[in-house]
Amino acid sequence: MAQPVPVLLWAWCALTALAGAAQGSFEVSVSPEAAMVEHGGSVWINCSTTCRDPGAKGGVETSLTKTNTKSGAGWEAVLLTNIKEWVSSPQCYFICYGNTTAVAYANISAYQAPERVVLEPLPELELGRAYNLTCRVLKVAPVTHLSVTLRQGGRTLHTETFQSRTRTGPDDVTVTQEITPRRWDHGQEITCHAALDLAPHGPLLQSSSSAVELQEAESPTAKIIAISAIATVPAMLLGILAWGLARRGRTRRAARPEPGEATPSRTDFEMVQASAEDAPEEGGSLNSAEDASP
């Protein structure tokens, strides 16, 4: 008759333990679990629990500024403002049945769009010579989400990412790419594009540099040809002028009489004209008396 007592005691202890386990088995969740917030911006953090204790208490522990709080049965939400920390992890917690605590963490990252995207200017380019394109992206965060692309017209020359960087705050990056210009590259535009892709927890931010136009420099041979051409034009004009003057002089000399040659006078001209008037008509006689005889 003494044996059933330990059995009953064991059963009661087991039931008590199971009830305690059931009371302490709950979860805490946070939303959003990860957020990308503009530097100096704000975000709502919502904590919730599966604890069935109507008196469960919860909250958010963080070094960020909390300016508003809302709560209800099994949940609490806080507004975090003026977020200046580049990386932070607010902690959501709930205390269930007065003695059991569960926590969950949110990951908040602040971002900053590039302050400037600068493509360094290029000199006049010599064909066949290598040059470096240099693009600088200033004051951007986080650089692990940044990609920089150099383009020539609609063609991509080079794309670079920075996933191995460990800096959390704003950083400057420099991207270089070697090009060797060809004759048909003259006049084409080079641009630098920066993309800060914060998906799936934030926006896609894009910015570009001013375009730099490829300008071909004149080769030494071309310069010599150009200078020769410029010098040849005046020489040709002088030659044409000299030829014209010489021809004009020859014409005048041909019109002058040779030395010793008589120059026709006005008297000679009048005598010739008088002789022409006295000449008989065709078929006439030179002797006027003969013309008058029967």
C-alpha atoms as a PDB file:
ATOM      1  CA  MET A   1       0.000   0.000   0.000  1.00  0.00           C
ATOM      2  CA  ALA A   2       3.009   2.305   0.415  1.00  0.00           C
ATOM      3  CA  GLN A   3       4.148   2.097  -3.230  1.00  0.00           C
ATOM      4  CA  PRO A   4       1.493   4.252  -4.974  1.00  0.00           C
ATOM      5  CA  VAL A   5       2.611   7.468  -3.199  1.00  0.00           C
ATOM      6  CA  PRO A   6       5.911   7.884  -5.099  1.00  0.00           C
ATOM      7  CA  VAL A   7       4.118   7.166  -8.348  1.00  0.00           C
ATOM      8  CA  LEU A   8       1.541   9.873  -7.705  1.00  0.00           C
ATOM      9  CA  LEU A   9       4.246  12.336  -6.706  1.00  0.00           C
ATOM     10  CA  TRP A  10       6.176  11.630  -9.885  1.00  0.00           C
ATOM     11  CA  ALA A  11       3.092  12.143 -12.012  1.00  0.00           C
ATOM     12  CA  TRP A  12       2.311  15.470 -10.326  1.00  0.00           C
ATOM     13  CA  CYS A  13       5.880  16.716 -10.829  1.00  0.00           C
ATOM     14  CA  ALA A  14       5.815  15.714 -14.464  1.00  0.00           C
ATOM     15  CA  LEU A  15       2.558  17.562 -15.083  1.00  0.00           C
ATOM     16  CA  THR A  16       3.908  20.638 -13.326  1.00  0.00           C
ATOM     17  CA  ALA A  17       7.062  20.597 -15.433  1.00  0.00           C
ATOM     18  CA  LEU A  18       5.092  20.203 -18.636  1.00  0.00           C
ATOM     19  CA  ALA A  19       2.860  23.115 -17.686  1.00  0.00           C
ATOM     20  CA  GLY A  20       5.868  25.268 -16.931  1.00  0.00           C
ATOM     21  CA  ALA A  21       7.466  24.319 -20.215  1.00  0.00           C
ATOM     22  CA  ALA A  22       4.279  25.126 -22.046  1.00  0.00           C
ATOM     23  CA  GLN A  23       4.130  28.528 -20.349  1.00  0.00           C
ATOM     24  CA  GLY A  24       7.773  29.293 -21.189  1.00  0.00           C
ATOM     25  CA  SER A  25       7.717  28.149 -24.808  1.00  0.00           C
ATOM     26  CA  PHE A  26       7.120  31.289 -26.908  1.00  0.00           C
ATOM     27  CA  GLU A  27       8.817  33.311 -29.624  1.00  0.00           C
ATOM     28  CA  VAL A  28       9.585  36.959 -30.284  1.00  0.00           C
ATOM     29  CA  SER A  29       9.810  38.384 -33.795  1.00  0.00           C
ATOM     30  CA  VAL A  30      10.781  41.806 -35.153  1.00  0.00           C
ATOM     31  CA  SER A  31       9.765  43.604 -38.335  1.00  0.00           C
ATOM     32  CA  PRO A  32      11.577  44.631 -40.369  1.00  0.00           C
ATOM     33  CA  GLU A  33      14.385  42.225 -39.624  1.00  0.00           C
ATOM     34  CA  ALA A  34      16.707  44.284 -41.848  1.00  0.00           C
ATOM     35  CA  ALA A  35      16.238  47.875 -42.950  1.00  0.00           C
ATOM     36  CA  MET A  36      18.150  50.386 -45.064  1.00  0.00           C
ATOM     37  CA  VAL A  37      17.500  53.908 -43.812  1.00  0.00           C
ATOM     38  CA  GLU A  38      18.829  57.158 -45.253  1.00  0.00           C
ATOM     39  CA  HIS A  39      21.405  58.707 -42.954  1.00  0.00           C
ATOM     40  CA  GLY A  40      19.488  60.927 -40.527  1.00  0.00           C
ATOM     41  CA  GLY A  41      16.160  59.276 -41.416  1.00  0.00           C
ATOM     42  CA  SER A  42      13.658  57.257 -39.366  1.00  0.00           C
ATOM     43  CA  VAL A  43      12.019  53.828 -39.262  1.00  0.00           C
ATOM     44  CA  TRP A  44       9.288  52.014 -37.305  1.00  0.00           C
ATOM     45  CA  ILE A  45      10.316  48.802 -35.500  1.00  0.00           C
ATOM     46  CA  ASN A  46       7.518  46.391 -34.561  1.00  0.00           C
ATOM     47  CA  CYS A  47       8.028  43.651 -31.932  1.00  0.00           C
ATOM     48  CA  SER A  48       5.537  40.819 -31.431  1.00  0.00           C
ATOM     49  CA  THR A  49       5.331  37.591 -29.394  1.00  0.00           C
ATOM     50  CA  THR A  50       3.508  34.289 -29.321  1.00  0.00           C
ATOM     51  CA  CYS A  51       3.313  34.358 -25.497  1.00  0.00           C
ATOM     52  CA  ARG A  52      -0.272  33.749 -24.303  1.00  0.00           C
ATOM     53  CA  ASP A  53       0.253  35.596 -21.066  1.00  0.00           C
ATOM     54  CA  PRO A  54      -2.056  38.643 -21.103  1.00  0.00           C
ATOM     55  CA  GLY A  55       0.370  40.375 -18.802  1.00  0.00           C
ATOM     56  CA  ALA A  56       3.458  39.812 -20.946  1.00  0.00           C
ATOM     57  CA  LYS A  57       5.683  42.864 -21.061  1.00  0.00           C
ATOM     58  CA  GLY A  58       7.901  43.825 -23.987  1.00  0.00           C
ATOM     59  CA  GLY A  59       9.894  46.661 -25.486  1.00  0.00           C
ATOM     60  CA  VAL A  60      12.848  47.753 -27.645  1.00  0.00           C
ATOM     61  CA  GLU A  61      16.346  48.337 -26.320  1.00  0.00           C
ATOM     62  CA  THR A  62      18.521  50.544 -28.537  1.00  0.00           C
ATOM     63  CA  SER A  63      20.963  53.426 -28.467  1.00  0.00           C
ATOM     64  CA  LEU A  64      18.938  55.126 -31.225  1.00  0.00           C
ATOM     65  CA  THR A  65      16.428  57.863 -30.475  1.00  0.00           C
ATOM     66  CA  LYS A  66      12.854  56.654 -29.772  1.00  0.00           C
ATOM     67  CA  THR A  67      10.224  59.338 -30.320  1.00  0.00           C
ATOM     68  CA  ASN A  68       6.954  57.398 -30.421  1.00  0.00           C
ATOM     69  CA  THR A  69       5.643  54.130 -28.977  1.00  0.00           C
ATOM     70  CA  LYS A  70       2.511  52.101 -29.663  1.00  0.00           C
ATOM     71  CA  SER A  71       1.512  48.794 -28.040  1.00  0.00           C
ATOM     72  CA  GLY A  72      -1.201  46.175 -27.806  1.00  0.00           C
ATOM     73  CA  ALA A  73      -1.738  42.587 -26.693  1.00  0.00           C
ATOM     74  CA  GLY A  74       1.427  40.733 -27.711  1.00  0.00           C
ATOM     75  CA  TRP A  75       3.057  43.585 -29.654  1.00  0.00           C
ATOM     76  CA  GLU A  76       4.873  46.886 -29.322  1.00  0.00           C
ATOM     77  CA  ALA A  77       6.107  49.324 -31.970  1.00  0.00           C
ATOM     78  CA  VAL A  78       8.584  52.186 -31.665  1.00  0.00           C
ATOM     79  CA  LEU A  79       9.642  54.948 -34.047  1.00  0.00           C
ATOM     80  CA  LEU A  80      13.395  55.405 -34.300  1.00  0.00           C
ATOM     81  CA  THR A  81      14.394  58.839 -35.616  1.00  0.00           C
ATOM     82  CA  ASN A  82      17.469  60.812 -36.665  1.00  0.00           C
ATOM     83  CA  ILE A  83      19.412  57.636 -37.299  1.00  0.00           C
ATOM     84  CA  LYS A  84      23.091  58.615 -37.450  1.00  0.00           C
ATOM     85  CA  GLU A  85      24.692  55.279 -36.592  1.00  0.00           C
ATOM     86  CA  TRP A  86      25.787  53.545 -39.781  1.00  0.00           C
ATOM     87  CA  VAL A  87      25.066  50.071 -38.343  1.00  0.00           C
ATOM     88  CA  SER A  88      22.836  49.315 -35.334  1.00  0.00           C
ATOM     89  CA  SER A  89      20.946  46.318 -33.894  1.00  0.00           C
ATOM     90  CA  PRO A  90      17.877  47.249 -31.816  1.00  0.00           C
ATOM     91  CA  GLN A  91      16.754  44.427 -29.479  1.00  0.00           C
ATOM     92  CA  CYS A  92      13.113  43.399 -29.135  1.00  0.00           C
ATOM     93  CA  TYR A  93      12.210  41.484 -25.960  1.00  0.00           C
ATOM     94  CA  PHE A  94       9.171  40.064 -24.157  1.00  0.00           C
ATOM     95  CA  ILE A  95       8.849  38.658 -20.638  1.00  0.00           C
ATOM     96  CA  CYS A  96       6.284  35.849 -20.459  1.00  0.00           C
ATOM     97  CA  TYR A  97       4.628  34.733 -17.190  1.00  0.00           C
ATOM     98  CA  GLY A  98       6.940  37.037 -15.291  1.00  0.00           C
ATOM     99  CA  ASN A  99      10.117  34.988 -15.498  1.00  0.00           C
ATOM    100  CA  THR A 100      10.924  33.931 -19.071  1.00  0.00           C
ATOM    101  CA  THR A 101      12.475  36.304 -21.575  1.00  0.00           C
ATOM    102  CA  ALA A 102      12.892  35.952 -25.328  1.00  0.00           C
ATOM    103  CA  VAL A 103      14.603  38.416 -27.667  1.00  0.00           C
ATOM    104  CA  ALA A 104      14.959  39.190 -31.375  1.00  0.00           C
ATOM    105  CA  TYR A 105      17.277  41.625 -33.138  1.00  0.00           C
ATOM    106  CA  ALA A 106      16.739  44.014 -36.048  1.00  0.00           C
ATOM    107  CA  ASN A 107      19.626  45.017 -38.319  1.00  0.00           C
ATOM    108  CA  ILE A 108      19.508  48.664 -39.377  1.00  0.00           C
ATOM    109  CA  SER A 109      22.013  50.170 -41.817  1.00  0.00           C
ATOM    110  CA  ALA A 110      22.173  53.836 -42.770  1.00  0.00           C
ATOM    111  CA  TYR A 111      23.026  54.748 -46.368  1.00  0.00           C
ATOM    112  CA  GLN A 112      24.233  57.847 -48.147  1.00  0.00           C
ATOM    113  CA  ALA A 113      24.016  58.517 -51.872  1.00  0.00           C
ATOM    114  CA  PRO A 114      27.272  59.572 -53.592  1.00  0.00           C
ATOM    115  CA  GLU A 115      28.114  63.185 -52.926  1.00  0.00           C
ATOM    116  CA  ARG A 116      29.771  63.490 -56.349  1.00  0.00           C
ATOM    117  CA  VAL A 117      30.791  61.347 -59.302  1.00  0.00           C
ATOM    118  CA  VAL A 118      33.812  62.838 -61.061  1.00  0.00           C
ATOM    119  CA  LEU A 119      35.408  61.675 -64.319  1.00  0.00           C
ATOM    120  CA  GLU A 120      38.830  63.212 -64.728  1.00  0.00           C
ATOM    121  CA  PRO A 121      39.402  65.095 -68.011  1.00  0.00           C
ATOM    122  CA  LEU A 122      41.616  63.674 -70.740  1.00  0.00           C
ATOM    123  CA  PRO A 123      44.234  65.408 -72.896  1.00  0.00           C
ATOM    124  CA  GLU A 124      44.097  65.304 -76.667  1.00  0.00           C
ATOM    125  CA  LEU A 125      44.716  61.676 -77.568  1.00  0.00           C
ATOM    126  CA  GLU A 126      47.384  60.234 -79.836  1.00  0.00           C
ATOM    127  CA  LEU A 127      46.250  57.217 -81.802  1.00  0.00           C
ATOM    128  CA  GLY A 128      47.696  53.937 -80.572  1.00  0.00           C
ATOM    129  CA  ARG A 129      48.864  55.324 -77.227  1.00  0.00           C
ATOM    130  CA  ALA A 130      47.415  53.984 -73.931  1.00  0.00           C
ATOM    131  CA  TYR A 131      45.578  56.310 -71.544  1.00  0.00           C
ATOM    132  CA  ASN A 132      43.912  55.775 -68.139  1.00  0.00           C
ATOM    133  CA  LEU A 133      40.304  56.731 -67.524  1.00  0.00           C
ATOM    134  CA  THR A 134      39.855  57.678 -63.847  1.00  0.00           C
ATOM    135  CA  CYS A 135      36.497  57.982 -62.083  1.00  0.00           C
ATOM    136  CA  ARG A 136      36.084  59.041 -58.441  1.00  0.00           C
ATOM    137  CA  VAL A 137      32.932  58.449 -56.386  1.00  0.00           C
ATOM    138  CA  LEU A 138      32.939  60.572 -53.231  1.00  0.00           C
ATOM    139  CA  LYS A 139      31.288  60.118 -49.814  1.00  0.00           C
ATOM    140  CA  VAL A 140      29.092  57.053 -50.454  1.00  0.00           C
ATOM    141  CA  ALA A 141      27.866  54.429 -47.948  1.00  0.00           C
ATOM    142  CA  PRO A 142      27.800  51.514 -47.717  1.00  0.00           C
ATOM    143  CA  VAL A 143      30.367  50.883 -50.441  1.00  0.00           C
ATOM    144  CA  THR A 144      29.668  47.137 -50.282  1.00  0.00           C
ATOM    145  CA  HIS A 145      26.445  47.876 -52.213  1.00  0.00           C
ATOM    146  CA  LEU A 146      28.143  50.135 -54.780  1.00  0.00           C
ATOM    147  CA  SER A 147      29.020  49.390 -58.400  1.00  0.00           C
ATOM    148  CA  VAL A 148      30.839  51.787 -60.745  1.00  0.00           C
ATOM    149  CA  THR A 149      30.668  51.493 -64.542  1.00  0.00           C
ATOM    150  CA  LEU A 150      32.713  53.283 -67.198  1.00  0.00           C
ATOM    151  CA  ARG A 151      31.026  53.581 -70.599  1.00  0.00           C
ATOM    152  CA  GLN A 152      32.030  54.780 -74.050  1.00  0.00           C
ATOM    153  CA  GLY A 153      28.866  55.805 -75.817  1.00  0.00           C
ATOM    154  CA  GLY A 154      26.506  52.873 -75.249  1.00  0.00           C
ATOM    155  CA  ARG A 155      29.320  50.370 -74.727  1.00  0.00           C
ATOM    156  CA  THR A 156      30.432  49.231 -71.257  1.00  0.00           C
ATOM    157  CA  LEU A 157      34.197  49.451 -70.813  1.00  0.00           C
ATOM    158  CA  HIS A 158      34.510  48.305 -67.192  1.00  0.00           C
ATOM    159  CA  THR A 159      32.383  47.616 -64.076  1.00  0.00           C
ATOM    160  CA  GLU A 160      33.788  47.353 -60.561  1.00  0.00           C
ATOM    161  CA  THR A 161      32.219  46.383 -57.212  1.00  0.00           C
ATOM    162  CA  PHE A 162      33.502  46.728 -53.633  1.00  0.00           C
ATOM    163  CA  GLN A 163      32.021  43.832 -51.674  1.00  0.00           C
ATOM    164  CA  SER A 164      35.314  43.160 -49.891  1.00  0.00           C
ATOM    165  CA  ARG A 165      35.388  46.605 -48.259  1.00  0.00           C
ATOM    166  CA  THR A 166      34.828  46.609 -44.492  1.00  0.00           C
ATOM    167  CA  ARG A 167      34.244  50.302 -43.826  1.00  0.00           C
ATOM    168  CA  THR A 168      30.678  51.021 -42.664  1.00  0.00           C
ATOM    169  CA  GLY A 169      30.650  54.824 -42.974  1.00  0.00           C
ATOM    170  CA  PRO A 170      31.026  57.053 -46.044  1.00  0.00           C
ATOM    171  CA  ASP A 171      33.992  56.244 -48.226  1.00  0.00           C
ATOM    172  CA  ASP A 172      35.628  57.391 -51.472  1.00  0.00           C
ATOM    173  CA  VAL A 173      36.368  54.964 -54.280  1.00  0.00           C
ATOM    174  CA  THR A 174      38.502  55.294 -57.414  1.00  0.00           C
ATOM    175  CA  VAL A 175      38.051  53.261 -60.586  1.00  0.00           C
ATOM    176  CA  THR A 176      40.525  53.258 -63.490  1.00  0.00           C
ATOM    177  CA  GLN A 177      40.420  51.685 -66.929  1.00  0.00           C
ATOM    178  CA  GLU A 178      43.046  51.763 -69.685  1.00  0.00           C
ATOM    179  CA  ILE A 179      41.986  52.654 -73.222  1.00  0.00           C
ATOM    180  CA  THR A 180      43.910  52.859 -76.499  1.00  0.00           C
ATOM    181  CA  PRO A 181      42.095  55.285 -78.831  1.00  0.00           C
ATOM    182  CA  ARG A 182      41.448  54.482 -82.464  1.00  0.00           C
ATOM    183  CA  ARG A 183      40.597  56.917 -85.224  1.00  0.00           C
ATOM    184  CA  TRP A 184      36.863  56.142 -85.097  1.00  0.00           C
ATOM    185  CA  ASP A 185      36.791  56.882 -81.341  1.00  0.00           C
ATOM    186  CA  HIS A 186      37.185  60.597 -82.050  1.00  0.00           C
ATOM    187  CA  GLY A 187      34.170  62.554 -80.785  1.00  0.00           C
ATOM    188  CA  GLN A 188      32.714  59.734 -78.663  1.00  0.00           C
ATOM    189  CA  GLU A 189      31.742  60.432 -75.045  1.00  0.00           C
ATOM    190  CA  ILE A 190      33.050  58.699 -71.909  1.00  0.00           C
ATOM    191  CA  THR A 191      30.795  58.657 -68.814  1.00  0.00           C
ATOM    192  CA  CYS A 192      31.033  57.200 -65.303  1.00  0.00           C
ATOM    193  CA  HIS A 193      27.951  55.748 -63.583  1.00  0.00           C
ATOM    194  CA  ALA A 194      27.585  54.918 -59.867  1.00  0.00           C
ATOM    195  CA  ALA A 195      24.767  52.633 -58.666  1.00  0.00           C
ATOM    196  CA  LEU A 196      24.024  52.081 -54.974  1.00  0.00           C
ATOM    197  CA  ASP A 197      21.755  49.018 -54.985  1.00  0.00           C
ATOM    198  CA  LEU A 198      20.153  48.520 -51.548  1.00  0.00           C
ATOM    199  CA  ALA A 199      17.618  45.880 -52.608  1.00  0.00           C
ATOM    200  CA  PRO A 200      15.749  44.088 -51.168  1.00  0.00           C
ATOM    201  CA  HIS A 201      15.724  46.327 -48.086  1.00  0.00           C
ATOM    202  CA  GLY A 202      16.172  49.733 -49.735  1.00  0.00           C
ATOM    203  CA  PRO A 203      16.080  51.723 -52.982  1.00  0.00           C
ATOM    204  CA  LEU A 204      18.345  51.793 -56.033  1.00  0.00           C
ATOM    205  CA  LEU A 205      20.222  55.104 -56.210  1.00  0.00           C
ATOM    206  CA  GLN A 206      22.029  56.100 -59.419  1.00  0.00           C
ATOM    207  CA  SER A 207      24.194  59.063 -60.349  1.00  0.00           C
ATOM    208  CA  SER A 208      26.522  59.894 -63.239  1.00  0.00           C
ATOM    209  CA  SER A 209      29.456  62.109 -64.042  1.00  0.00           C
ATOM    210  CA  SER A 210      29.620  64.767 -66.718  1.00  0.00           C
ATOM    211  CA  ALA A 211      30.652  63.355 -70.091  1.00  0.00           C
ATOM    212  CA  VAL A 212      34.222  63.655 -71.379  1.00  0.00           C
ATOM    213  CA  GLU A 213      34.623  63.734 -75.170  1.00  0.00           C
ATOM    214  CA  LEU A 214      37.498  61.898 -76.818  1.00  0.00           C
ATOM    215  CA  GLN A 215      39.538  64.337 -78.918  1.00  0.00           C
ATOM    216  CA  GLU A 216      42.219  63.100 -81.297  1.00  0.00           C
ATOM    217  CA  ALA A 217      45.447  65.087 -81.312  1.00  0.00           C
ATOM    218  CA  GLU A 218      47.086  65.937 -84.643  1.00  0.00           C
ATOM    219  CA  SER A 219      50.114  63.777 -85.382  1.00  0.00           C
ATOM    220  CA  PRO A 220      53.477  65.467 -86.157  1.00  0.00           C
ATOM    221  CA  THR A 221      53.153  64.376 -89.797  1.00  0.00           C
ATOM    222  CA  ALA A 222      49.712  65.937 -90.047  1.00  0.00           C
ATOM    223  CA  LYS A 223      51.027  69.169 -88.527  1.00  0.00           C
ATOM    224  CA  ILE A 224      53.897  69.289 -91.071  1.00  0.00           C
ATOM    225  CA  ILE A 225      51.436  68.734 -93.922  1.00  0.00           C
ATOM    226  CA  ALA A 226      49.146  71.437 -92.580  1.00  0.00           C
ATOM    227  CA  ILE A 227      52.020  73.930 -92.190  1.00  0.00           C
ATOM    228  CA  SER A 228      53.280  73.096 -95.687  1.00  0.00           C
ATOM    229  CA  ALA A 229      49.822  73.622 -97.108  1.00  0.00           C
ATOM    230  CA  ILE A 230      49.514  76.990 -95.365  1.00  0.00           C
ATOM    231  CA  ALA A 231      52.917  78.060 -96.654  1.00  0.00           C
ATOM    232  CA  THR A 232      52.157  76.847-100.194  1.00  0.00           C
ATOM    233  CA  VAL A 233      49.053  79.023-100.653  1.00  0.00           C
ATOM    234  CA  PRO A 234      50.855  82.411-100.467  1.00  0.00           C
ATOM    235  CA  ALA A 235      53.619  81.082-102.726  1.00  0.00           C
ATOM    236  CA  MET A 236      51.044  80.018-105.307  1.00  0.00           C
ATOM    237  CA  LEU A 237      49.327  83.401-105.129  1.00  0.00           C
ATOM    238  CA  LEU A 238      52.641  85.194-105.601  1.00  0.00           C
ATOM    239  CA  GLY A 239      53.430  82.969-108.560  1.00  0.00           C
ATOM    240  CA  ILE A 240      50.060  83.686-110.190  1.00  0.00           C
ATOM    241  CA  LEU A 241      50.558  87.437-109.628  1.00  0.00           C
ATOM    242  CA  ALA A 242      54.068  87.368-111.125  1.00  0.00           C
ATOM    243  CA  TRP A 243      52.810  85.423-114.150  1.00  0.00           C
ATOM    244  CA  GLY A 244      50.027  87.933-114.703  1.00  0.00           C
ATOM    245  CA  LEU A 245      52.382  90.900-114.507  1.00  0.00           C
ATOM    246  CA  ALA A 246      54.837  89.280-116.898  1.00  0.00           C
ATOM    247  CA  ARG A 247      52.116  88.514-119.422  1.00  0.00           C
ATOM    248  CA  ARG A 248      50.820  92.071-119.249  1.00  0.00           C
ATOM    249  CA  GLY A 249      54.331  93.383-119.888  1.00  0.00           C
ATOM    250  CA  ARG A 250      54.778  91.161-122.960  1.00  0.00           C
ATOM    251  CA  THR A 251      51.478  92.389-124.396  1.00  0.00           C
ATOM    252  CA  ARG A 252      52.507  96.006-124.067  1.00  0.00           C
ATOM    253  CA  ARG A 253      55.898  95.389-125.645  1.00  0.00           C
ATOM    254  CA  ALA A 254      54.313  93.623-128.613  1.00  0.00           C
ATOM    255  CA  ALA A 255      52.164  96.694-129.307  1.00  0.00           C
ATOM    256  CA  ARG A 256      55.176  99.097-129.463  1.00  0.00           C
ATOM    257  CA  PRO A 257      57.102  99.680-132.857  1.00  0.00           C
ATOM    258  CA  GLU A 258      60.628  98.432-133.180  1.00  0.00           C
ATOM    259  CA  PRO A 259      63.439 101.030-133.033  1.00  0.00           C
ATOM    260  CA  GLY A 260      63.893 102.815-136.431  1.00  0.00           C
ATOM    261  CA  GLU A 261      60.455 101.814-137.632  1.00  0.00           C
ATOM    262  CA  ALA A 262      58.345 104.801-138.818  1.00  0.00           C
ATOM    263  CA  THR A 263      55.248 105.467-136.875  1.00  0.00           C
ATOM    264  CA  PRO A 264      52.216 106.302-139.056  1.00  0.00           C
ATOM    265  CA  SER A 265      51.251 109.959-138.700  1.00  0.00           C
ATOM    266  CA  ARG A 266      47.914 111.717-139.097  1.00  0.00           C
ATOM    267  CA  THR A 267      49.100 113.166-142.426  1.00  0.00           C
ATOM    268  CA  ASP A 268      49.844 109.735-143.822  1.00  0.00           C
ATOM    269  CA  PHE A 269      46.427 108.553-142.748  1.00  0.00           C
ATOM    270  CA  GLU A 270      44.740 111.496-144.546  1.00  0.00           C
ATOM    271  CA  MET A 271      46.727 110.843-147.749  1.00  0.00           C
ATOM    272  CA  VAL A 272      45.715 107.208-147.761  1.00  0.00           C
ATOM    273  CA  GLN A 273      42.092 108.203-147.248  1.00  0.00           C
ATOM    274  CA  ALA A 274      42.248 110.729-150.166  1.00  0.00           C
ATOM    275  CA  SER A 275      43.762 108.163-152.488  1.00  0.00           C
ATOM    276  CA  ALA A 276      40.950 105.808-151.736  1.00  0.00           C
ATOM    277  CA  GLU A 277      38.364 108.454-152.615  1.00  0.00           C
ATOM    278  CA  ASP A 278      40.002 109.213-156.017  1.00  0.00           C
ATOM    279  CA  ALA A 279      40.238 105.568-157.075  1.00  0.00           C
ATOM    280  CA  PRO A 280      37.838 104.666-160.017  1.00  0.00           C
ATOM    281  CA  GLU A 281      34.987 102.290-159.522  1.00  0.00           C
ATOM    282  CA  GLU A 282      35.252  98.768-160.895  1.00  0.00           C
ATOM    283  CA  GLY A 283      35.162  98.871-164.718  1.00  0.00           C
ATOM    284  CA  GLY A 284      35.888 102.663-164.879  1.00  0.00           C
ATOM    285  CA  SER A 285      38.816 104.440-166.608  1.00  0.00           C
ATOM    286  CA  LEU A 286      41.601 106.364-165.077  1.00  0.00           C
ATOM    287  CA  ASN A 287      41.434 108.999-167.886  1.00  0.00           C
ATOM    288  CA  SER A 288      38.497 111.325-167.479  1.00  0.00           C
ATOM    289  CA  ALA A 289      38.867 112.663-171.031  1.00  0.00           C
ATOM    290  CA  GLU A 290      38.418 109.225-172.468  1.00  0.00           C
ATOM    291  CA  ASP A 291      35.272 108.760-170.462  1.00  0.00           C
ATOM    292  CA  ALA A 292      33.858 112.004-171.895  1.00  0.00           C
ATOM    293  CA  SER A 293      34.571 111.199-175.638  1.00  0.00           C
ATOM    294  CA  PRO A 294      31.770 109.787-177.823  1.00  0.00           C
END
